[in-house]
Amino acid sequence: MSHPPTPAGLPDELRRRLGVSDAVVIGLGSMIGAGIFVALAPAARAAGSGLLTGLALAAVVAYCNATSSARLAALYPASGGTYVYGRERLGEFWGYLAGWSFVVGKTASCAAMALTVGSYVWPGQAHAVAVAAVVALTAVNYTGVQKSALLTRVVVAVVLAMLAVVVVTSLTSGAADAGRLGAGADATFGGVLQAAGLLFFAFAGYARIATLGEEVRDPARTIPRAVPIALGITLVVYALVAVAVLSVLGPQQLGAAVAPLSDAAKAAGADWLVPVVRVGAAVAAVGSLLALILGVSRTTLAMARDRHLPHALAAVHPKFRVPHRAELVVGAVVATVAATTDVRGAIGFSSFGVLAYYAVANASALTLTSAEGRPARIIPLAGLAGCLLLAFALPPASVVTGAAVLAAGVAVYGVRRALASRGA
């Protein structure tokens, strides 16, 4: 059944305020955030000397996903991203499964980012700081998406400047050695795949651009332009950071690092840079958390409109034109998880959920016709295969937990359909 976007003028319509530069900045804020601070070490442990190969593989899958998502977002410029695309192109169940994967996986990511803020700002009170960060950023999102875009612009500028200093300092130090790039444990095929799956955690933010489809001006033009620009900038930044850190630490030392960029600064003899990195990491985590809460609340809005979630969450604030109830509920859930759980292992779980989400996006893109702007068929095919391959190459605990959560979502869907059929 078709579900067209909410017609203009209705009370629950979101306001289209974001241009190309705003959309690019929101995408960058989602990707060039805490992911680069937390994903490099576990990826290096998995891949050893194959870390850069894993990064390249994650980038290829991300490119395919971004291309498929951008074409679909231009055709369906409504909040919800792949939840909407799966519903329209493959059927209600696949849209629901994508939405469930996204909301659950990204809620875990939100908690992980909040705890990253806490661990850098005040390690002894990481949980308390995490909760405070969630409350503050939920309030920012509540007052309007333009303020969110403005704050994200500041965060991106600060983080890029800090990463540039780390890269230059590392590569020009006496400790830099190009031979370290390939030193360490021999890479295995499975290790490279696992590293790619873990690094995908740091690439997945471009979905935020698509989930803001109802708040972007001229979405058919803006979204297809913003997604590849944001992804391209991120790929260049990640590659430079990975090469710089590997050049001073090597794969083995990087794999054992708790704070890779801080360790790289120390190894380069730039102890003065360590507190700068700590501040930059905290700011980056704030940027990621801001964009994550923004994206999860919009997918929650879309699912609530279709009553897959409580319909009350579909309300849009009459003044700020944001899904205020969805934002408050998402903020409350994330704050609870951040206050009670150690989510350092959430990277793998989050990656599993998001890879499932993009598998649905690529399958949806395969159904597009040439007139609808279908990309070259190899792109969604490679994206679909890549998502499934990387998802099941993740650490076993992440695969088991992720599969169990998806199964729970399917069970909820089945119960709801059964109850609906009885009431019909």
Protein backbone atom coordinates (compact mmCIF):
# COMPACT_ATOMS: atom_id res chain seq x y z
CA MET A 1 0.00 0.00 0.00
CA SER A 2 1.35 3.46 -0.91
CA HIS A 3 2.01 5.99 1.83
CA PRO A 4 2.74 9.36 0.18
CA PRO A 5 4.54 12.07 2.14
CA THR A 6 2.37 14.29 4.32
CA PRO A 7 0.79 16.97 2.12
CA ALA A 8 1.96 20.53 2.58
CA GLY A 9 -0.02 22.57 5.04
CA LEU A 10 -1.12 19.79 7.38
CA PRO A 11 -0.37 20.26 11.10
CA ASP A 12 2.16 17.42 11.29
CA GLU A 13 4.28 18.67 8.36
CA LEU A 14 7.92 19.43 9.14
CA ARG A 15 9.45 22.65 7.83
CA ARG A 16 11.88 22.55 4.89
CA ARG A 17 14.79 24.72 6.01
CA LEU A 18 18.01 22.85 5.20
CA GLY A 19 20.08 23.53 2.08
CA VAL A 20 22.95 21.52 0.56
CA SER A 21 25.59 22.92 2.91
CA ASP A 22 23.43 22.26 5.99
CA ALA A 23 22.75 18.69 4.86
CA VAL A 24 26.46 18.08 4.17
CA VAL A 25 27.39 19.42 7.60
CA ILE A 26 24.82 17.18 9.35
CA GLY A 27 26.22 14.19 7.44
CA LEU A 28 29.79 15.15 8.38
CA GLY A 29 28.78 15.63 12.00
CA SER A 30 27.38 12.11 12.00
CA MET A 31 30.45 10.52 10.41
CA ILE A 32 33.46 12.62 11.42
CA GLY A 33 32.61 12.19 15.03
CA ALA A 34 33.52 9.82 17.77
CA GLY A 35 33.63 6.88 15.34
CA ILE A 36 37.18 7.71 14.28
CA PHE A 37 38.20 7.85 17.95
CA VAL A 38 36.74 4.48 18.95
CA ALA A 39 36.65 2.26 15.84
CA LEU A 40 40.31 2.28 14.77
CA ALA A 41 41.62 0.22 17.70
CA PRO A 42 39.21 -2.75 17.50
CA ALA A 43 39.54 -2.72 13.72
CA ALA A 44 43.35 -2.85 14.03
CA ARG A 45 43.07 -5.78 16.47
CA ALA A 46 40.96 -7.65 13.93
CA ALA A 47 42.87 -6.83 10.74
CA GLY A 48 46.47 -6.27 11.86
CA SER A 49 48.44 -5.10 8.85
CA GLY A 50 45.24 -5.26 6.77
CA LEU A 51 43.65 -2.25 8.51
CA LEU A 52 43.84 0.04 5.48
CA THR A 53 42.36 -2.71 3.30
CA GLY A 54 39.48 -3.02 5.76
CA LEU A 55 39.01 0.75 5.64
CA ALA A 56 38.89 0.65 1.83
CA LEU A 57 36.35 -2.19 1.87
CA ALA A 58 34.14 -0.34 4.36
CA ALA A 59 34.37 2.71 2.11
CA VAL A 60 33.26 0.75 -0.98
CA VAL A 61 30.22 -0.64 0.84
CA ALA A 62 29.46 2.82 2.23
CA TYR A 63 29.64 4.33 -1.26
CA CYS A 64 27.18 1.77 -2.65
CA ASN A 65 24.82 2.33 0.28
CA ALA A 66 25.09 6.11 -0.04
CA THR A 67 24.36 6.03 -3.77
CA SER A 68 21.31 3.79 -3.36
CA SER A 69 20.04 5.86 -0.43
CA ALA A 70 20.49 9.16 -2.26
CA ARG A 71 18.49 8.00 -5.30
CA LEU A 72 15.70 6.70 -3.07
CA ALA A 73 15.69 9.83 -0.88
CA ALA A 74 15.25 12.03 -3.95
CA LEU A 75 12.20 9.96 -4.95
CA TYR A 76 10.75 9.72 -1.42
CA PRO A 77 11.65 12.97 0.40
CA ALA A 78 9.92 12.03 3.66
CA SER A 79 11.22 11.47 7.18
CA GLY A 80 12.19 7.88 7.89
CA GLY A 81 14.88 7.03 5.33
CA THR A 82 15.03 3.33 4.47
CA TYR A 83 11.93 2.66 6.56
CA VAL A 84 10.02 4.58 3.89
CA TYR A 85 11.96 3.15 0.94
CA GLY A 86 11.53 -0.46 2.06
CA ARG A 87 7.83 0.07 2.71
CA GLU A 88 7.22 1.65 -0.69
CA ARG A 89 9.41 -0.61 -2.83
CA LEU A 90 9.40 -4.00 -1.06
CA GLY A 91 6.35 -4.02 1.21
CA GLU A 92 5.33 -3.04 4.72
CA PHE A 93 7.29 -5.78 6.49
CA TRP A 94 10.65 -4.84 4.94
CA GLY A 95 10.10 -1.18 5.73
CA TYR A 96 9.27 -2.09 9.30
CA LEU A 97 12.35 -4.32 9.60
CA ALA A 98 14.59 -1.51 8.33
CA GLY A 99 13.03 0.96 10.75
CA TRP A 100 13.36 -1.46 13.67
CA SER A 101 17.02 -2.16 12.81
CA PHE A 102 17.79 1.53 12.59
CA VAL A 103 16.04 2.65 15.78
CA VAL A 104 17.44 -0.17 17.93
CA GLY A 105 20.96 -0.09 16.49
CA LYS A 106 21.26 3.68 16.56
CA THR A 107 19.83 3.93 20.06
CA ALA A 108 22.80 1.80 21.16
CA SER A 109 25.08 4.10 19.17
CA CYS A 110 23.62 7.12 20.95
CA ALA A 111 24.41 5.59 24.32
CA ALA A 112 27.94 4.72 23.17
CA MET A 113 28.56 8.28 22.01
CA ALA A 114 27.16 9.71 25.25
CA LEU A 115 29.52 7.52 27.27
CA THR A 116 32.40 8.58 25.03
CA VAL A 117 31.66 12.18 26.04
CA GLY A 118 31.66 11.14 29.70
CA SER A 119 34.89 9.14 29.48
CA TYR A 120 36.80 12.09 28.00
CA VAL A 121 35.23 14.91 30.02
CA TRP A 122 35.17 13.27 33.46
CA PRO A 123 36.24 9.61 33.44
CA GLY A 124 35.26 9.04 37.07
CA GLN A 125 31.68 10.17 36.41
CA ALA A 126 31.25 8.99 32.82
CA HIS A 127 27.65 7.81 33.27
CA ALA A 128 26.50 11.05 34.91
CA VAL A 129 28.12 13.19 32.23
CA ALA A 130 26.62 10.94 29.54
CA VAL A 131 23.11 11.47 30.87
CA ALA A 132 23.66 15.24 31.11
CA ALA A 133 24.87 15.30 27.50
CA VAL A 134 21.79 13.43 26.28
CA VAL A 135 19.45 15.79 28.16
CA ALA A 136 21.21 18.89 26.82
CA LEU A 137 21.28 17.73 23.19
CA THR A 138 17.68 16.55 23.29
CA ALA A 139 16.79 20.09 24.37
CA VAL A 140 18.77 21.53 21.44
CA ASN A 141 16.97 19.26 18.96
CA TYR A 142 13.61 20.09 20.56
CA THR A 143 13.93 23.79 19.74
CA GLY A 144 14.40 23.29 16.02
CA VAL A 145 16.52 21.57 13.37
CA GLN A 146 18.22 24.82 12.24
CA LYS A 147 19.81 25.21 15.66
CA SER A 148 20.95 21.60 15.42
CA ALA A 149 22.56 22.30 12.03
CA LEU A 150 24.29 25.43 13.39
CA LEU A 151 25.74 23.58 16.39
CA THR A 152 26.82 20.69 14.14
CA ARG A 153 28.66 23.16 11.87
CA VAL A 154 30.70 24.40 14.86
CA VAL A 155 31.42 20.83 16.02
CA VAL A 156 32.60 19.73 12.56
CA ALA A 157 34.94 22.73 12.26
CA VAL A 158 36.53 22.05 15.66
CA VAL A 159 36.97 18.31 15.04
CA LEU A 160 38.44 18.75 11.54
CA ALA A 161 40.95 21.30 12.87
CA MET A 162 42.01 18.95 15.68
CA LEU A 163 42.35 15.94 13.35
CA ALA A 164 44.44 18.03 10.95
CA VAL A 165 46.85 18.89 13.77
CA VAL A 166 47.12 15.20 14.76
CA VAL A 167 47.80 14.13 11.17
CA VAL A 168 50.45 16.79 10.51
CA THR A 169 52.13 16.26 13.90
CA SER A 170 52.25 12.48 13.46
CA LEU A 171 53.49 12.46 9.86
CA THR A 172 56.20 15.09 10.48
CA SER A 173 57.49 13.64 13.74
CA GLY A 174 60.67 11.64 14.12
CA ALA A 175 58.54 8.67 15.19
CA ALA A 176 56.78 8.43 11.84
CA ASP A 177 57.84 5.39 9.85
CA ALA A 178 56.07 4.33 6.65
CA GLY A 179 57.27 0.78 7.29
CA ARG A 180 54.92 0.52 10.25
CA LEU A 181 51.88 0.70 7.96
CA GLY A 182 52.31 -2.94 7.03
CA ALA A 183 54.07 -4.17 10.14
CA GLY A 184 52.54 -6.48 12.70
CA ALA A 185 50.42 -9.57 12.52
CA ASP A 186 49.66 -10.94 9.10
CA ALA A 187 46.19 -10.01 7.91
CA THR A 188 43.58 -12.69 7.34
CA PHE A 189 40.56 -12.48 5.06
CA GLY A 190 38.19 -12.91 7.99
CA GLY A 191 40.05 -10.30 10.03
CA VAL A 192 39.89 -7.74 7.23
CA LEU A 193 36.15 -8.35 6.81
CA GLN A 194 35.59 -7.98 10.55
CA ALA A 195 37.60 -4.75 10.57
CA ALA A 196 35.54 -3.43 7.67
CA GLY A 197 32.34 -4.22 9.56
CA LEU A 198 33.61 -2.43 12.67
CA LEU A 199 34.84 0.57 10.67
CA PHE A 200 31.45 0.80 9.02
CA PHE A 201 30.26 2.08 12.41
CA ALA A 202 32.20 5.27 11.67
CA PHE A 203 30.82 5.68 8.12
CA ALA A 204 27.09 5.19 8.63
CA GLY A 205 26.18 8.81 9.38
CA TYR A 206 25.19 9.75 5.83
CA ALA A 207 21.82 8.14 6.58
CA ARG A 208 21.06 11.19 8.66
CA ILE A 209 20.76 13.26 5.50
CA ALA A 210 18.12 10.92 4.07
CA THR A 211 16.15 10.65 7.33
CA LEU A 212 15.77 14.45 7.28
CA GLY A 213 14.01 14.30 3.90
CA GLU A 214 11.04 16.43 4.99
CA GLU A 215 13.27 19.20 6.32
CA VAL A 216 15.49 19.64 3.24
CA ARG A 217 14.77 22.25 0.58
CA ASP A 218 14.39 20.83 -2.94
CA PRO A 219 15.18 17.25 -1.75
CA ALA A 220 15.33 15.77 -5.27
CA ARG A 221 18.37 17.98 -5.92
CA THR A 222 19.79 18.54 -2.45
CA ILE A 223 20.00 14.97 -1.10
CA PRO A 224 21.77 13.34 -4.10
CA ARG A 225 24.34 16.17 -3.97
CA ALA A 226 24.84 16.26 -0.20
CA VAL A 227 25.32 12.52 0.40
CA PRO A 228 28.34 11.89 -1.87
CA ILE A 229 29.98 15.19 -0.85
CA ALA A 230 29.73 14.32 2.85
CA LEU A 231 30.92 10.75 2.25
CA GLY A 232 33.83 11.84 0.05
CA ILE A 233 35.13 14.33 2.61
CA THR A 234 34.84 11.71 5.34
CA LEU A 235 36.76 9.10 3.35
CA VAL A 236 39.67 11.47 2.79
CA VAL A 237 39.78 12.45 6.49
CA TYR A 238 39.61 8.84 7.72
CA ALA A 239 42.33 7.68 5.33
CA LEU A 240 44.67 10.48 6.42
CA VAL A 241 44.04 9.82 10.12
CA ALA A 242 44.53 6.05 9.74
CA VAL A 243 47.82 6.46 7.85
CA ALA A 244 49.11 9.03 10.36
CA VAL A 245 48.24 6.93 13.43
CA LEU A 246 49.62 3.75 11.89
CA SER A 247 52.86 5.52 10.97
CA VAL A 248 53.70 6.24 14.63
CA LEU A 249 52.04 3.30 16.40
CA GLY A 250 51.93 0.40 13.95
CA PRO A 251 49.04 -2.11 13.83
CA GLN A 252 49.90 -3.99 17.04
CA GLN A 253 50.25 -0.92 19.28
CA LEU A 254 47.19 0.67 17.67
CA GLY A 255 45.16 -2.48 18.30
CA ALA A 256 46.04 -2.33 22.00
CA ALA A 257 45.33 1.39 22.38
CA VAL A 258 42.48 2.65 24.54
CA ALA A 259 42.70 6.18 23.13
CA PRO A 260 44.44 5.77 19.74
CA LEU A 261 44.76 9.42 18.79
CA SER A 262 46.07 10.39 22.23
CA ASP A 263 48.59 7.54 22.07
CA ALA A 264 49.65 8.69 18.62
CA ALA A 265 50.25 12.21 19.92
CA LYS A 266 52.38 10.82 22.77
CA ALA A 267 54.35 8.58 20.39
CA ALA A 268 55.01 11.59 18.17
CA GLY A 269 56.49 13.43 21.15
CA ALA A 270 53.66 15.97 21.28
CA ASP A 271 52.43 15.62 24.85
CA TRP A 272 50.95 19.10 24.61
CA LEU A 273 48.52 17.73 22.03
CA VAL A 274 47.02 15.08 24.32
CA PRO A 275 44.57 17.40 26.16
CA VAL A 276 43.61 18.92 22.79
CA VAL A 277 42.77 15.44 21.51
CA ARG A 278 40.71 14.74 24.64
CA VAL A 279 38.68 17.91 24.11
CA GLY A 280 38.34 17.16 20.40
CA ALA A 281 37.13 13.63 21.10
CA ALA A 282 34.51 14.94 23.53
CA VAL A 283 33.34 17.55 21.02
CA ALA A 284 33.25 14.92 18.26
CA ALA A 285 31.15 12.61 20.42
CA VAL A 286 28.76 15.49 21.13
CA GLY A 287 28.41 16.09 17.38
CA SER A 288 27.71 12.41 16.69
CA LEU A 289 25.22 12.20 19.54
CA LEU A 290 23.39 15.30 18.32
CA ALA A 291 23.00 13.92 14.80
CA LEU A 292 22.12 10.41 16.01
CA ILE A 293 19.29 11.63 18.24
CA LEU A 294 18.07 13.74 15.31
CA GLY A 295 17.99 10.74 12.95
CA VAL A 296 16.47 8.22 15.37
CA SER A 297 13.66 10.61 16.30
CA ARG A 298 12.76 11.14 12.60
CA THR A 299 12.57 7.40 11.93
CA THR A 300 10.49 7.03 15.10
CA LEU A 301 8.19 9.74 13.72
CA ALA A 302 7.76 7.87 10.42
CA MET A 303 7.04 4.54 12.12
CA ALA A 304 4.59 6.21 14.52
CA ARG A 305 2.71 7.74 11.58
CA ASP A 306 2.11 4.20 10.32
CA ARG A 307 1.30 2.98 13.86
CA HIS A 308 4.24 0.57 14.04
CA LEU A 309 5.09 2.60 17.12
CA PRO A 310 2.58 4.46 19.36
CA HIS A 311 0.80 7.02 17.17
CA ALA A 312 1.23 9.73 19.81
CA LEU A 313 4.91 9.88 18.82
CA ALA A 314 3.92 11.27 15.40
CA ALA A 315 3.03 14.66 16.89
CA VAL A 316 4.92 17.71 15.55
CA HIS A 317 5.42 20.74 17.79
CA PRO A 318 3.20 23.65 16.60
CA LYS A 319 5.96 26.24 17.11
CA PHE A 320 9.28 24.48 16.54
CA ARG A 321 7.96 22.09 13.83
CA VAL A 322 9.91 19.11 15.17
CA PRO A 323 8.67 15.65 16.30
CA HIS A 324 8.92 16.70 19.94
CA ARG A 325 7.35 13.63 21.56
CA ALA A 326 9.54 11.28 19.55
CA GLU A 327 12.62 13.31 20.51
CA LEU A 328 11.71 13.24 24.20
CA VAL A 329 11.09 9.48 24.22
CA VAL A 330 14.30 8.75 22.29
CA GLY A 331 16.23 11.01 24.66
CA ALA A 332 14.76 9.28 27.71
CA VAL A 333 15.59 5.79 26.41
CA VAL A 334 19.15 6.78 25.46
CA ALA A 335 19.71 8.46 28.85
CA THR A 336 18.50 5.32 30.64
CA VAL A 337 20.82 3.04 28.64
CA ALA A 338 23.76 5.41 29.09
CA ALA A 339 23.15 5.55 32.84
CA THR A 340 22.96 1.82 33.37
CA THR A 341 25.03 0.05 30.71
CA ASP A 342 28.63 -0.28 29.58
CA VAL A 343 28.22 0.04 25.84
CA ARG A 344 31.81 -0.31 24.67
CA GLY A 345 30.72 -3.49 22.91
CA ALA A 346 27.86 -1.64 21.20
CA ILE A 347 29.94 -0.85 18.11
CA GLY A 348 29.51 -4.36 16.72
CA PHE A 349 25.84 -4.52 17.68
CA SER A 350 25.17 -1.12 16.13
CA SER A 351 27.02 -2.08 12.95
CA PHE A 352 24.94 -5.25 12.61
CA GLY A 353 21.68 -3.31 12.86
CA VAL A 354 22.78 -0.57 10.48
CA LEU A 355 24.13 -3.04 7.92
CA ALA A 356 20.72 -4.78 7.98
CA TYR A 357 19.11 -1.38 7.46
CA TYR A 358 21.26 -0.67 4.39
CA ALA A 359 20.70 -4.15 3.01
CA VAL A 360 17.02 -3.19 2.74
CA ALA A 361 18.00 0.14 1.13
CA ASN A 362 20.04 -1.60 -1.57
CA ALA A 363 17.30 -4.17 -2.19
CA SER A 364 14.85 -1.27 -2.55
CA ALA A 365 17.15 0.52 -5.02
CA LEU A 366 17.23 -2.62 -7.18
CA THR A 367 13.50 -2.16 -7.84
CA LEU A 368 13.93 1.35 -9.27
CA THR A 369 13.42 1.90 -12.99
CA SER A 370 15.61 4.02 -15.23
CA ALA A 371 12.96 6.73 -15.22
CA GLU A 372 13.09 6.75 -11.41
CA GLY A 373 16.84 7.34 -11.39
CA ARG A 374 18.07 3.81 -10.69
CA PRO A 375 21.85 3.70 -10.26
CA ALA A 376 23.94 1.23 -12.26
CA ARG A 377 22.67 -2.19 -11.15
CA ILE A 378 26.11 -3.26 -9.90
CA ILE A 379 25.96 -0.59 -7.18
CA PRO A 380 22.92 -1.82 -5.22
CA LEU A 381 23.93 -5.45 -5.88
CA ALA A 382 27.41 -4.86 -4.48
CA GLY A 383 25.93 -2.86 -1.61
CA LEU A 384 23.47 -5.62 -0.69
CA ALA A 385 26.12 -8.36 -0.85
CA GLY A 386 28.61 -6.20 1.05
CA CYS A 387 26.15 -5.41 3.85
CA LEU A 388 25.30 -9.07 4.40
CA LEU A 389 28.95 -10.16 4.22
CA LEU A 390 30.18 -7.53 6.70
CA ALA A 391 27.24 -8.08 9.07
CA PHE A 392 28.00 -11.77 9.51
CA ALA A 393 31.77 -11.19 9.66
CA LEU A 394 31.37 -9.12 12.85
CA PRO A 395 32.40 -10.60 16.23
CA PRO A 396 30.14 -13.59 17.07
CA ALA A 397 28.61 -11.89 20.12
CA SER A 398 27.52 -8.96 17.97
CA VAL A 399 26.02 -11.25 15.33
CA VAL A 400 24.08 -13.32 17.90
CA THR A 401 22.79 -10.26 19.77
CA GLY A 402 21.91 -8.43 16.58
CA ALA A 403 20.09 -11.41 15.11
CA ALA A 404 18.16 -11.90 18.36
CA VAL A 405 17.05 -8.25 18.39
CA LEU A 406 15.92 -8.46 14.76
CA ALA A 407 14.01 -11.65 15.56
CA ALA A 408 12.31 -9.87 18.47
CA GLY A 409 11.28 -7.12 16.08
CA VAL A 410 9.82 -9.65 13.66
CA ALA A 411 7.88 -11.23 16.55
CA VAL A 412 6.45 -7.84 17.55
CA TYR A 413 5.41 -7.22 13.96
CA GLY A 414 3.71 -10.63 13.74
CA VAL A 415 1.80 -10.13 16.99
CA ARG A 416 0.63 -6.69 15.90
CA ARG A 417 -0.58 -8.04 12.54
CA ALA A 418 -2.37 -10.93 14.23
CA LEU A 419 -4.16 -8.58 16.62
CA ALA A 420 -5.09 -6.28 13.76
CA SER A 421 -6.54 -9.13 11.71
CA ARG A 422 -8.65 -10.31 14.66
CA GLY A 423 -10.02 -6.82 15.14
CA ALA A 424 -10.88 -6.44 11.46
